[in-house]
Amino acid sequence: MCFRVKEVLDAMGKDLGRNLVTLKVDGGVTVNDFIMQTQANILEEVVERKTESEMTALGCAIAAGMAKEIELWNSLEDLKDHVRVDKRFKPEENVNEYRKRWEKALHKSLDWVNK
């Protein structure tokens, strides 16, 4: 999973013409420190996890509240106090050898069926 994320971000960076600085993550898998540290190592960039693990659900609730003019927050800026950084994972290990093995395995899997 971590290598696939890297491939997607590399493609996005190529299209945008600039590199990633920090990957901000949420969702169920992000509670796993080992996976988040592995992701930071593979990306060779900081991975930042927020205190709220389900940002999509929170965003939907906020958008619905704003659409109905429920004034829990006056602006999106007010939300910064509610969604803080839980942990930053900085690259700690060079994973070039792992990356080479991943690319080799991926290359082998592309033509494994005889036609």
PDB file of N, CA and C in Angstrom:
ATOM      1  N   MET A   1       0.818  -1.188   0.000  1.00  0.00           N
ATOM      2  CA  MET A   1       0.000   0.000   0.000  1.00  0.00           C
ATOM      3  C   MET A   1       0.869   1.262   0.000  1.00  0.00           C
ATOM      4  N   CYS A   2       1.911   1.254   0.817  1.00  0.00           N
ATOM      5  CA  CYS A   2       2.773   2.435   0.923  1.00  0.00           C
ATOM      6  C   CYS A   2       3.482   2.742  -0.393  1.00  0.00           C
ATOM      7  N   PHE A   3       3.901   1.708  -1.102  1.00  0.00           N
ATOM      8  CA  PHE A   3       4.556   1.928  -2.391  1.00  0.00           C
ATOM      9  C   PHE A   3       3.564   2.436  -3.433  1.00  0.00           C
ATOM     10  N   ARG A   4       2.329   1.958  -3.393  1.00  0.00           N
ATOM     11  CA  ARG A   4       1.309   2.443  -4.331  1.00  0.00           C
ATOM     12  C   ARG A   4       1.010   3.921  -4.069  1.00  0.00           C
ATOM     13  N   VAL A   5       0.949   4.303  -2.812  1.00  0.00           N
ATOM     14  CA  VAL A   5       0.736   5.713  -2.476  1.00  0.00           C
ATOM     15  C   VAL A   5       1.870   6.546  -3.067  1.00  0.00           C
ATOM     16  N   LYS A   6       3.103   6.056  -2.942  1.00  0.00           N
ATOM     17  CA  LYS A   6       4.245   6.775  -3.506  1.00  0.00           C
ATOM     18  C   LYS A   6       4.103   6.931  -5.011  1.00  0.00           C
ATOM     19  N   GLU A   7       3.699   5.868  -5.695  1.00  0.00           N
ATOM     20  CA  GLU A   7       3.532   5.943  -7.149  1.00  0.00           C
ATOM     21  C   GLU A   7       2.503   6.996  -7.544  1.00  0.00           C
ATOM     22  N   VAL A   8       1.388   7.030  -6.834  1.00  0.00           N
ATOM     23  CA  VAL A   8       0.345   8.013  -7.121  1.00  0.00           C
ATOM     24  C   VAL A   8       0.854   9.429  -6.861  1.00  0.00           C
ATOM     25  N   LEU A   9       1.529   9.629  -5.745  1.00  0.00           N
ATOM     26  CA  LEU A   9       2.037  10.969  -5.421  1.00  0.00           C
ATOM     27  C   LEU A   9       3.136  11.404  -6.380  1.00  0.00           C
ATOM     28  N   ASP A  10       3.967  10.462  -6.816  1.00  0.00           N
ATOM     29  CA  ASP A  10       4.993  10.794  -7.823  1.00  0.00           C
ATOM     30  C   ASP A  10       4.339  11.249  -9.122  1.00  0.00           C
ATOM     31  N   ALA A  11       3.285  10.542  -9.546  1.00  0.00           N
ATOM     32  CA  ALA A  11       2.577  10.919 -10.771  1.00  0.00           C
ATOM     33  C   ALA A  11       1.920  12.296 -10.621  1.00  0.00           C
ATOM     34  N   MET A  12       1.327  12.536  -9.464  1.00  0.00           N
ATOM     35  CA  MET A  12       0.708  13.841  -9.222  1.00  0.00           C
ATOM     36  C   MET A  12       1.758  14.950  -9.239  1.00  0.00           C
ATOM     37  N   GLY A  13       2.898  14.682  -8.608  1.00  0.00           N
ATOM     38  CA  GLY A  13       3.971  15.672  -8.589  1.00  0.00           C
ATOM     39  C   GLY A  13       4.480  15.985  -9.977  1.00  0.00           C
ATOM     40  N   LYS A  14       4.574  14.957 -10.795  1.00  0.00           N
ATOM     41  CA  LYS A  14       5.024  15.149 -12.183  1.00  0.00           C
ATOM     42  C   LYS A  14       4.031  16.013 -12.944  1.00  0.00           C
ATOM     43  N   ASP A  15       2.739  15.715 -12.783  1.00  0.00           N
ATOM     44  CA  ASP A  15       1.702  16.494 -13.461  1.00  0.00           C
ATOM     45  C   ASP A  15       1.662  17.945 -12.980  1.00  0.00           C
ATOM     46  N   LEU A  16       1.858  18.144 -11.672  1.00  0.00           N
ATOM     47  CA  LEU A  16       1.784  19.493 -11.106  1.00  0.00           C
ATOM     48  C   LEU A  16       3.077  20.284 -11.275  1.00  0.00           C
ATOM     49  N   GLY A  17       4.166  19.554 -11.486  1.00  0.00           N
ATOM     50  CA  GLY A  17       5.451  20.222 -11.635  1.00  0.00           C
ATOM     51  C   GLY A  17       6.066  20.652 -10.323  1.00  0.00           C
ATOM     52  N   ARG A  18       5.646  20.036  -9.232  1.00  0.00           N
ATOM     53  CA  ARG A  18       6.248  20.331  -7.931  1.00  0.00           C
ATOM     54  C   ARG A  18       6.140  19.108  -7.027  1.00  0.00           C
ATOM     55  N   ASN A  19       6.994  19.086  -6.014  1.00  0.00           N
ATOM     56  CA  ASN A  19       7.071  17.920  -5.138  1.00  0.00           C
ATOM     57  C   ASN A  19       6.232  18.097  -3.880  1.00  0.00           C
ATOM     58  N   LEU A  20       5.907  16.973  -3.300  1.00  0.00           N
ATOM     59  CA  LEU A  20       5.197  16.922  -2.036  1.00  0.00           C
ATOM     60  C   LEU A  20       6.094  17.444  -0.922  1.00  0.00           C
ATOM     61  N   VAL A  21       5.505  18.156   0.019  1.00  0.00           N
ATOM     62  CA  VAL A  21       6.242  18.614   1.192  1.00  0.00           C
ATOM     63  C   VAL A  21       5.820  17.805   2.412  1.00  0.00           C
ATOM     64  N   THR A  22       4.523  17.675   2.604  1.00  0.00           N
ATOM     65  CA  THR A  22       3.968  16.923   3.728  1.00  0.00           C
ATOM     66  C   THR A  22       2.731  16.186   3.242  1.00  0.00           C
ATOM     67  N   LEU A  23       2.606  14.918   3.619  1.00  0.00           N
ATOM     68  CA  LEU A  23       1.398  14.159   3.316  1.00  0.00           C
ATOM     69  C   LEU A  23       0.528  14.178   4.562  1.00  0.00           C
ATOM     70  N   LYS A  24      -0.669  14.747   4.451  1.00  0.00           N
ATOM     71  CA  LYS A  24      -1.607  14.803   5.577  1.00  0.00           C
ATOM     72  C   LYS A  24      -2.586  13.647   5.411  1.00  0.00           C
ATOM     73  N   VAL A  25      -2.655  12.803   6.435  1.00  0.00           N
ATOM     74  CA  VAL A  25      -3.405  11.560   6.311  1.00  0.00           C
ATOM     75  C   VAL A  25      -4.543  11.469   7.321  1.00  0.00           C
ATOM     76  N   ASP A  26      -5.565  10.705   6.937  1.00  0.00           N
ATOM     77  CA  ASP A  26      -6.641  10.351   7.853  1.00  0.00           C
ATOM     78  C   ASP A  26      -7.232   9.043   7.376  1.00  0.00           C
ATOM     79  N   GLY A  27      -8.117   8.481   8.175  1.00  0.00           N
ATOM     80  CA  GLY A  27      -8.729   7.203   7.845  1.00  0.00           C
ATOM     81  C   GLY A  27      -8.258   6.130   8.800  1.00  0.00           C
ATOM     82  N   GLY A  28      -8.918   4.997   8.745  1.00  0.00           N
ATOM     83  CA  GLY A  28      -8.675   3.920   9.693  1.00  0.00           C
ATOM     84  C   GLY A  28      -7.244   3.434   9.780  1.00  0.00           C
ATOM     85  N   VAL A  29      -6.586   3.269   8.640  1.00  0.00           N
ATOM     86  CA  VAL A  29      -5.234   2.708   8.656  1.00  0.00           C
ATOM     87  C   VAL A  29      -4.224   3.663   9.290  1.00  0.00           C
ATOM     88  N   THR A  30      -4.552   4.929   9.359  1.00  0.00           N
ATOM     89  CA  THR A  30      -3.594   5.906   9.870  1.00  0.00           C
ATOM     90  C   THR A  30      -3.334   5.775  11.362  1.00  0.00           C
ATOM     91  N   VAL A  31      -4.168   5.025  12.066  1.00  0.00           N
ATOM     92  CA  VAL A  31      -3.915   4.820  13.496  1.00  0.00           C
ATOM     93  C   VAL A  31      -2.738   3.874  13.726  1.00  0.00           C
ATOM     94  N   ASN A  32      -2.276   3.214  12.673  1.00  0.00           N
ATOM     95  CA  ASN A  32      -1.159   2.281  12.774  1.00  0.00           C
ATOM     96  C   ASN A  32       0.160   3.040  12.597  1.00  0.00           C
ATOM     97  N   ASP A  33       0.875   3.246  13.697  1.00  0.00           N
ATOM     98  CA  ASP A  33       2.135   4.003  13.649  1.00  0.00           C
ATOM     99  C   ASP A  33       3.169   3.348  12.737  1.00  0.00           C
ATOM    100  N   PHE A  34       3.222   2.022  12.722  1.00  0.00           N
ATOM    101  CA  PHE A  34       4.204   1.329  11.882  1.00  0.00           C
ATOM    102  C   PHE A  34       3.975   1.646  10.407  1.00  0.00           C
ATOM    103  N   ILE A  35       2.724   1.604   9.971  1.00  0.00           N
ATOM    104  CA  ILE A  35       2.425   1.889   8.566  1.00  0.00           C
ATOM    105  C   ILE A  35       2.715   3.351   8.248  1.00  0.00           C
ATOM    106  N   MET A  36       2.382   4.241   9.146  1.00  0.00           N
ATOM    107  CA  MET A  36       2.634   5.665   8.890  1.00  0.00           C
ATOM    108  C   MET A  36       4.137   5.961   8.842  1.00  0.00           C
ATOM    109  N   GLN A  37       4.915   5.314   9.714  1.00  0.00           N
ATOM    110  CA  GLN A  37       6.364   5.501   9.675  1.00  0.00           C
ATOM    111  C   GLN A  37       6.933   4.910   8.384  1.00  0.00           C
ATOM    112  N   THR A  38       6.429   3.759   7.986  1.00  0.00           N
ATOM    113  CA  THR A  38       6.870   3.143   6.726  1.00  0.00           C
ATOM    114  C   THR A  38       6.543   4.061   5.558  1.00  0.00           C
ATOM    115  N   GLN A  39       5.365   4.674   5.576  1.00  0.00           N
ATOM    116  CA  GLN A  39       4.987   5.598   4.501  1.00  0.00           C
ATOM    117  C   GLN A  39       5.942   6.789   4.451  1.00  0.00           C
ATOM    118  N   ALA A  40       6.283   7.340   5.601  1.00  0.00           N
ATOM    119  CA  ALA A  40       7.229   8.463   5.641  1.00  0.00           C
ATOM    120  C   ALA A  40       8.582   8.037   5.095  1.00  0.00           C
ATOM    121  N   ASN A  41       9.031   6.849   5.452  1.00  0.00           N
ATOM    122  CA  ASN A  41      10.318   6.358   4.967  1.00  0.00           C
ATOM    123  C   ASN A  41      10.309   6.195   3.447  1.00  0.00           C
ATOM    124  N   ILE A  42       9.252   5.624   2.918  1.00  0.00           N
ATOM    125  CA  ILE A  42       9.166   5.383   1.478  1.00  0.00           C
ATOM    126  C   ILE A  42       9.051   6.687   0.707  1.00  0.00           C
ATOM    127  N   LEU A  43       8.260   7.612   1.226  1.00  0.00           N
ATOM    128  CA  LEU A  43       8.101   8.908   0.563  1.00  0.00           C
ATOM    129  C   LEU A  43       9.320   9.798   0.735  1.00  0.00           C
ATOM    130  N   GLU A  44      10.075   9.529   1.782  1.00  0.00           N
ATOM    131  CA  GLU A  44      11.182  10.402   2.178  1.00  0.00           C
ATOM    132  C   GLU A  44      10.671  11.817   2.435  1.00  0.00           C
ATOM    133  N   GLU A  45       9.477  11.863   3.005  1.00  0.00           N
ATOM    134  CA  GLU A  45       8.808  13.125   3.349  1.00  0.00           C
ATOM    135  C   GLU A  45       8.065  12.934   4.673  1.00  0.00           C
ATOM    136  N   VAL A  46       7.629  14.028   5.249  1.00  0.00           N
ATOM    137  CA  VAL A  46       6.880  13.993   6.497  1.00  0.00           C
ATOM    138  C   VAL A  46       5.452  13.522   6.223  1.00  0.00           C
ATOM    139  N   VAL A  47       4.948  12.657   7.083  1.00  0.00           N
ATOM    140  CA  VAL A  47       3.546  12.229   7.064  1.00  0.00           C
ATOM    141  C   VAL A  47       2.922  12.779   8.343  1.00  0.00           C
ATOM    142  N   GLU A  48       1.836  13.508   8.185  1.00  0.00           N
ATOM    143  CA  GLU A  48       1.209  14.193   9.310  1.00  0.00           C
ATOM    144  C   GLU A  48      -0.193  13.629   9.542  1.00  0.00           C
ATOM    145  N   ARG A  49      -0.405  13.130  10.751  1.00  0.00           N
ATOM    146  CA  ARG A  49      -1.705  12.563  11.124  1.00  0.00           C
ATOM    147  C   ARG A  49      -2.430  13.546  12.043  1.00  0.00           C
ATOM    148  N   LYS A  50      -3.682  13.789  11.755  1.00  0.00           N
ATOM    149  CA  LYS A  50      -4.494  14.697  12.561  1.00  0.00           C
ATOM    150  C   LYS A  50      -5.130  13.952  13.733  1.00  0.00           C
ATOM    151  N   THR A  51      -5.618  14.709  14.702  1.00  0.00           N
ATOM    152  CA  THR A  51      -6.291  14.100  15.848  1.00  0.00           C
ATOM    153  C   THR A  51      -7.602  13.450  15.419  1.00  0.00           C
ATOM    154  N   GLU A  52      -8.244  14.015  14.428  1.00  0.00           N
ATOM    155  CA  GLU A  52      -9.499  13.458  13.904  1.00  0.00           C
ATOM    156  C   GLU A  52      -9.156  12.488  12.784  1.00  0.00           C
ATOM    157  N   SER A  53      -9.422  11.200  12.996  1.00  0.00           N
ATOM    158  CA  SER A  53      -9.021  10.198  12.006  1.00  0.00           C
ATOM    159  C   SER A  53      -9.984  10.098  10.828  1.00  0.00           C
ATOM    160  N   GLU A  54     -11.169  10.641  10.953  1.00  0.00           N
ATOM    161  CA  GLU A  54     -12.145  10.557   9.857  1.00  0.00           C
ATOM    162  C   GLU A  54     -12.512  11.952   9.354  1.00  0.00           C
ATOM    163  N   MET A  55     -11.573  12.571   8.661  1.00  0.00           N
ATOM    164  CA  MET A  55     -11.757  13.939   8.185  1.00  0.00           C
ATOM    165  C   MET A  55     -12.876  14.053   7.152  1.00  0.00           C
ATOM    166  N   THR A  56     -13.086  13.014   6.347  1.00  0.00           N
ATOM    167  CA  THR A  56     -14.146  13.062   5.344  1.00  0.00           C
ATOM    168  C   THR A  56     -15.502  13.205   6.015  1.00  0.00           C
ATOM    169  N   ALA A  57     -15.745  12.400   7.040  1.00  0.00           N
ATOM    170  CA  ALA A  57     -17.018  12.484   7.757  1.00  0.00           C
ATOM    171  C   ALA A  57     -17.169  13.847   8.430  1.00  0.00           C
ATOM    172  N   LEU A  58     -16.095  14.325   9.033  1.00  0.00           N
ATOM    173  CA  LEU A  58     -16.136  15.633   9.676  1.00  0.00           C
ATOM    174  C   LEU A  58     -16.416  16.727   8.644  1.00  0.00           C
ATOM    175  N   GLY A  59     -15.756  16.653   7.511  1.00  0.00           N
ATOM    176  CA  GLY A  59     -15.969  17.634   6.443  1.00  0.00           C
ATOM    177  C   GLY A  59     -17.402  17.644   5.945  1.00  0.00           C
ATOM    178  N   CYS A  60     -17.986  16.463   5.795  1.00  0.00           N
ATOM    179  CA  CYS A  60     -19.392  16.366   5.363  1.00  0.00           C
ATOM    180  C   CYS A  60     -20.320  16.993   6.396  1.00  0.00           C
ATOM    181  N   ALA A  61     -20.059  16.721   7.671  1.00  0.00           N
ATOM    182  CA  ALA A  61     -20.888  17.285   8.733  1.00  0.00           C
ATOM    183  C   ALA A  61     -20.778  18.807   8.756  1.00  0.00           C
ATOM    184  N   ILE A  62     -19.576  19.301   8.578  1.00  0.00           N
ATOM    185  CA  ILE A  62     -19.365  20.750   8.578  1.00  0.00           C
ATOM    186  C   ILE A  62     -20.054  21.395   7.388  1.00  0.00           C
ATOM    187  N   ALA A  63     -19.900  20.779   6.203  1.00  0.00           N
ATOM    188  CA  ALA A  63     -20.527  21.327   4.998  1.00  0.00           C
ATOM    189  C   ALA A  63     -22.050  21.337   5.142  1.00  0.00           C
ATOM    190  N   ALA A  64     -22.620  20.268   5.704  1.00  0.00           N
ATOM    191  CA  ALA A  64     -24.067  20.202   5.908  1.00  0.00           C
ATOM    192  C   ALA A  64     -24.515  21.287   6.882  1.00  0.00           C
ATOM    193  N   GLY A  65     -23.740  21.459   7.953  1.00  0.00           N
ATOM    194  CA  GLY A  65     -24.069  22.496   8.928  1.00  0.00           C
ATOM    195  C   GLY A  65     -24.008  23.888   8.329  1.00  0.00           C
ATOM    196  N   MET A  66     -22.992  24.137   7.508  1.00  0.00           N
ATOM    197  CA  MET A  66     -22.868  25.447   6.875  1.00  0.00           C
ATOM    198  C   MET A  66     -23.999  25.674   5.869  1.00  0.00           C
ATOM    199  N   ALA A  67     -24.383  24.619   5.145  1.00  0.00           N
ATOM    200  CA  ALA A  67     -25.471  24.749   4.172  1.00  0.00           C
ATOM    201  C   ALA A  67     -26.785  25.087   4.860  1.00  0.00           C
ATOM    202  N   LYS A  68     -26.988  24.566   6.057  1.00  0.00           N
ATOM    203  CA  LYS A  68     -28.212  24.840   6.820  1.00  0.00           C
ATOM    204  C   LYS A  68     -28.049  26.050   7.737  1.00  0.00           C
ATOM    205  N   GLU A  69     -26.904  26.724   7.584  1.00  0.00           N
ATOM    206  CA  GLU A  69     -26.590  27.925   8.358  1.00  0.00           C
ATOM    207  C   GLU A  69     -26.618  27.679   9.861  1.00  0.00           C
ATOM    208  N   ILE A  70     -26.143  26.501  10.243  1.00  0.00           N
ATOM    209  CA  ILE A  70     -25.973  26.190  11.653  1.00  0.00           C
ATOM    210  C   ILE A  70     -24.639  26.800  12.060  1.00  0.00           C
ATOM    211  N   GLU A  71     -24.650  27.717  12.981  1.00  0.00           N
ATOM    212  CA  GLU A  71     -23.454  28.488  13.279  1.00  0.00           C
ATOM    213  C   GLU A  71     -22.618  27.880  14.395  1.00  0.00           C
ATOM    214  N   LEU A  72     -22.148  26.672  14.173  1.00  0.00           N
ATOM    215  CA  LEU A  72     -21.202  26.087  15.117  1.00  0.00           C
ATOM    216  C   LEU A  72     -19.815  26.692  14.896  1.00  0.00           C
ATOM    217  N   TRP A  73     -19.564  27.030  13.644  1.00  0.00           N
ATOM    218  CA  TRP A  73     -18.302  27.655  13.288  1.00  0.00           C
ATOM    219  C   TRP A  73     -18.618  28.833  12.381  1.00  0.00           C
ATOM    220  N   ASN A  74     -17.960  29.940  12.605  1.00  0.00           N
ATOM    221  CA  ASN A  74     -18.185  31.111  11.773  1.00  0.00           C
ATOM    222  C   ASN A  74     -17.473  31.006  10.433  1.00  0.00           C
ATOM    223  N   SER A  75     -16.381  30.244  10.425  1.00  0.00           N
ATOM    224  CA  SER A  75     -15.629  30.080   9.184  1.00  0.00           C
ATOM    225  C   SER A  75     -14.806  28.802   9.280  1.00  0.00           C
ATOM    226  N   LEU A  76     -14.241  28.419   8.170  1.00  0.00           N
ATOM    227  CA  LEU A  76     -13.372  27.239   8.165  1.00  0.00           C
ATOM    228  C   LEU A  76     -12.146  27.459   9.052  1.00  0.00           C
ATOM    229  N   GLU A  77     -11.744  28.703   9.223  1.00  0.00           N
ATOM    230  CA  GLU A  77     -10.599  29.014  10.085  1.00  0.00           C
ATOM    231  C   GLU A  77     -10.863  28.606  11.533  1.00  0.00           C
ATOM    232  N   ASP A  78     -12.125  28.676  11.953  1.00  0.00           N
ATOM    233  CA  ASP A  78     -12.485  28.293  13.319  1.00  0.00           C
ATOM    234  C   ASP A  78     -12.227  26.815  13.592  1.00  0.00           C
ATOM    235  N   LEU A  79     -12.189  26.019  12.543  1.00  0.00           N
ATOM    236  CA  LEU A  79     -12.007  24.571  12.706  1.00  0.00           C
ATOM    237  C   LEU A  79     -10.587  24.195  13.087  1.00  0.00           C
ATOM    238  N   LYS A  80      -9.647  25.065  12.844  1.00  0.00           N
ATOM    239  CA  LYS A  80      -8.246  24.735  13.132  1.00  0.00           C
ATOM    240  C   LYS A  80      -8.031  24.358  14.599  1.00  0.00           C
ATOM    241  N   ASP A  81      -8.810  24.934  15.483  1.00  0.00           N
ATOM    242  CA  ASP A  81      -8.685  24.593  16.901  1.00  0.00           C
ATOM    243  C   ASP A  81      -9.188  23.187  17.200  1.00  0.00           C
ATOM    244  N   HIS A  82     -10.073  22.681  16.347  1.00  0.00           N
ATOM    245  CA  HIS A  82     -10.680  21.373  16.577  1.00  0.00           C
ATOM    246  C   HIS A  82      -9.917  20.232  15.902  1.00  0.00           C
ATOM    247  N   VAL A  83      -9.127  20.546  14.904  1.00  0.00           N
ATOM    248  CA  VAL A  83      -8.397  19.523  14.164  1.00  0.00           C
ATOM    249  C   VAL A  83      -6.906  19.847  14.248  1.00  0.00           C
ATOM    250  N   ARG A  84      -6.255  19.210  15.211  1.00  0.00           N
ATOM    251  CA  ARG A  84      -4.841  19.457  15.445  1.00  0.00           C
ATOM    252  C   ARG A  84      -4.010  18.272  14.957  1.00  0.00           C
ATOM    253  N   VAL A  85      -2.725  18.499  14.861  1.00  0.00           N
ATOM    254  CA  VAL A  85      -1.807  17.432  14.482  1.00  0.00           C
ATOM    255  C   VAL A  85      -1.645  16.485  15.661  1.00  0.00           C
ATOM    256  N   ASP A  86      -1.876  15.216  15.407  1.00  0.00           N
ATOM    257  CA  ASP A  86      -1.681  14.191  16.427  1.00  0.00           C
ATOM    258  C   ASP A  86      -0.217  13.781  16.468  1.00  0.00           C
ATOM    259  N   LYS A  87       0.359  13.507  15.286  1.00  0.00           N
ATOM    260  CA  LYS A  87       1.745  13.032  15.238  1.00  0.00           C
ATOM    261  C   LYS A  87       2.325  13.277  13.857  1.00  0.00           C
ATOM    262  N   ARG A  88       3.601  13.624  13.819  1.00  0.00           N
ATOM    263  CA  ARG A  88       4.342  13.771  12.564  1.00  0.00           C
ATOM    264  C   ARG A  88       5.353  12.632  12.471  1.00  0.00           C
ATOM    265  N   PHE A  89       5.347  11.963  11.344  1.00  0.00           N
ATOM    266  CA  PHE A  89       6.295  10.881  11.097  1.00  0.00           C
ATOM    267  C   PHE A  89       7.328  11.401  10.111  1.00  0.00           C
ATOM    268  N   LYS A  90       8.578  11.430  10.536  1.00  0.00           N
ATOM    269  CA  LYS A  90       9.661  11.905   9.685  1.00  0.00           C
ATOM    270  C   LYS A  90      10.432  10.703   9.167  1.00  0.00           C
ATOM    271  N   PRO A  91      10.939  10.800   7.939  1.00  0.00           N
ATOM    272  CA  PRO A  91      11.717   9.673   7.403  1.00  0.00           C
ATOM    273  C   PRO A  91      12.885   9.345   8.320  1.00  0.00           C
ATOM    274  N   GLU A  92      13.034   8.057   8.637  1.00  0.00           N
ATOM    275  CA  GLU A  92      14.102   7.626   9.537  1.00  0.00           C
ATOM    276  C   GLU A  92      15.013   6.582   8.919  1.00  0.00           C
ATOM    277  N   GLU A  93      14.573   5.973   7.838  1.00  0.00           N
ATOM    278  CA  GLU A  93      15.309   4.849   7.281  1.00  0.00           C
ATOM    279  C   GLU A  93      15.365   4.986   5.772  1.00  0.00           C
ATOM    280  N   ASN A  94      16.508   4.674   5.194  1.00  0.00           N
ATOM    281  CA  ASN A  94      16.633   4.653   3.743  1.00  0.00           C
ATOM    282  C   ASN A  94      16.034   3.351   3.238  1.00  0.00           C
ATOM    283  N   VAL A  95      15.081   3.458   2.346  1.00  0.00           N
ATOM    284  CA  VAL A  95      14.368   2.266   1.882  1.00  0.00           C
ATOM    285  C   VAL A  95      14.624   1.964   0.408  1.00  0.00           C
ATOM    286  N   ASN A  96      15.752   2.440  -0.107  1.00  0.00           N
ATOM    287  CA  ASN A  96      16.044   2.214  -1.525  1.00  0.00           C
ATOM    288  C   ASN A  96      16.055   0.730  -1.878  1.00  0.00           C
ATOM    289  N   GLU A  97      16.592  -0.107  -1.013  1.00  0.00           N
ATOM    290  CA  GLU A  97      16.626  -1.545  -1.302  1.00  0.00           C
ATOM    291  C   GLU A  97      15.216  -2.123  -1.341  1.00  0.00           C
ATOM    292  N   TYR A  98      14.366  -1.711  -0.406  1.00  0.00           N
ATOM    293  CA  TYR A  98      12.972  -2.162  -0.423  1.00  0.00           C
ATOM    294  C   TYR A  98      12.273  -1.702  -1.705  1.00  0.00           C
ATOM    295  N   ARG A  99      12.537  -0.459  -2.103  1.00  0.00           N
ATOM    296  CA  ARG A  99      11.919   0.095  -3.307  1.00  0.00           C
ATOM    297  C   ARG A  99      12.348  -0.705  -4.531  1.00  0.00           C
ATOM    298  N   LYS A 100      13.627  -1.055  -4.608  1.00  0.00           N
ATOM    299  CA  LYS A 100      14.113  -1.845  -5.743  1.00  0.00           C
ATOM    300  C   LYS A 100      13.419  -3.199  -5.791  1.00  0.00           C
ATOM    301  N   ARG A 101      13.249  -3.831  -4.638  1.00  0.00           N
ATOM    302  CA  ARG A 101      12.578  -5.138  -4.592  1.00  0.00           C
ATOM    303  C   ARG A 101      11.107  -5.000  -4.972  1.00  0.00           C
ATOM    304  N   TRP A 102      10.456  -3.934  -4.544  1.00  0.00           N
ATOM    305  CA  TRP A 102       9.066  -3.680  -4.920  1.00  0.00           C
ATOM    306  C   TRP A 102       8.950  -3.522  -6.426  1.00  0.00           C
ATOM    307  N   GLU A 103       9.804  -2.704  -7.012  1.00  0.00           N
ATOM    308  CA  GLU A 103       9.754  -2.470  -8.453  1.00  0.00           C
ATOM    309  C   GLU A 103      10.027  -3.754  -9.236  1.00  0.00           C
ATOM    310  N   LYS A 104      10.947  -4.573  -8.743  1.00  0.00           N
ATOM    311  CA  LYS A 104      11.245  -5.853  -9.386  1.00  0.00           C
ATOM    312  C   LYS A 104      10.024  -6.768  -9.330  1.00  0.00           C
ATOM    313  N   ALA A 105       9.389  -6.861  -8.172  1.00  0.00           N
ATOM    314  CA  ALA A 105       8.193  -7.698  -8.021  1.00  0.00           C
ATOM    315  C   ALA A 105       7.055  -7.187  -8.902  1.00  0.00           C
ATOM    316  N   LEU A 106       6.889  -5.879  -8.952  1.00  0.00           N
ATOM    317  CA  LEU A 106       5.848  -5.289  -9.780  1.00  0.00           C
ATOM    318  C   LEU A 106       6.095  -5.601 -11.253  1.00  0.00           C
ATOM    319  N   HIS A 107       7.333  -5.441 -11.684  1.00  0.00           N
ATOM    320  CA  HIS A 107       7.693  -5.717 -13.081  1.00  0.00           C
ATOM    321  C   HIS A 107       7.410  -7.182 -13.428  1.00  0.00           C
ATOM    322  N   LYS A 108       7.756  -8.094 -12.542  1.00  0.00           N
ATOM    323  CA  LYS A 108       7.509  -9.520 -12.775  1.00  0.00           C
ATOM    324  C   LYS A 108       6.021  -9.822 -12.866  1.00  0.00           C
ATOM    325  N   SER A 109       5.204  -9.113 -12.096  1.00  0.00           N
ATOM    326  CA  SER A 109       3.779  -9.401 -12.073  1.00  0.00           C
ATOM    327  C   SER A 109       3.048  -8.912 -13.317  1.00  0.00           C
ATOM    328  N   LEU A 110       3.675  -8.038 -14.092  1.00  0.00           N
ATOM    329  CA  LEU A 110       3.002  -7.464 -15.255  1.00  0.00           C
ATOM    330  C   LEU A 110       2.799  -8.476 -16.382  1.00  0.00           C
ATOM    331  N   ASP A 111       3.624  -9.483 -16.458  1.00  0.00           N
ATOM    332  CA  ASP A 111       3.537 -10.416 -17.586  1.00  0.00           C
ATOM    333  C   ASP A 111       3.564 -11.857 -17.091  1.00  0.00           C
ATOM    334  N   TRP A 112       2.827 -12.164 -16.058  1.00  0.00           N
ATOM    335  CA  TRP A 112       2.894 -13.481 -15.454  1.00  0.00           C
ATOM    336  C   TRP A 112       1.959 -14.497 -16.096  1.00  0.00           C
ATOM    337  N   VAL A 113       0.998 -14.030 -16.880  1.00  0.00           N
ATOM    338  CA  VAL A 113       0.070 -14.940 -17.538  1.00  0.00           C
ATOM    339  C   VAL A 113       0.501 -15.134 -18.965  1.00  0.00           C
ATOM    340  N   ASN A 114       0.634 -16.403 -19.354  1.00  0.00           N
ATOM    341  CA  ASN A 114       0.941 -16.713 -20.758  1.00  0.00           C
ATOM    342  C   ASN A 114      -0.327 -16.588 -21.591  1.00  0.00           C
ATOM    343  N   LYS A 115      -0.210 -15.890 -22.666  1.00  0.00           N
ATOM    344  CA  LYS A 115      -1.396 -15.686 -23.516  1.00  0.00           C
ATOM    345  C   LYS A 115      -1.435 -16.718 -24.613  1.00  0.00           C
TER     346      LYS A 115
END
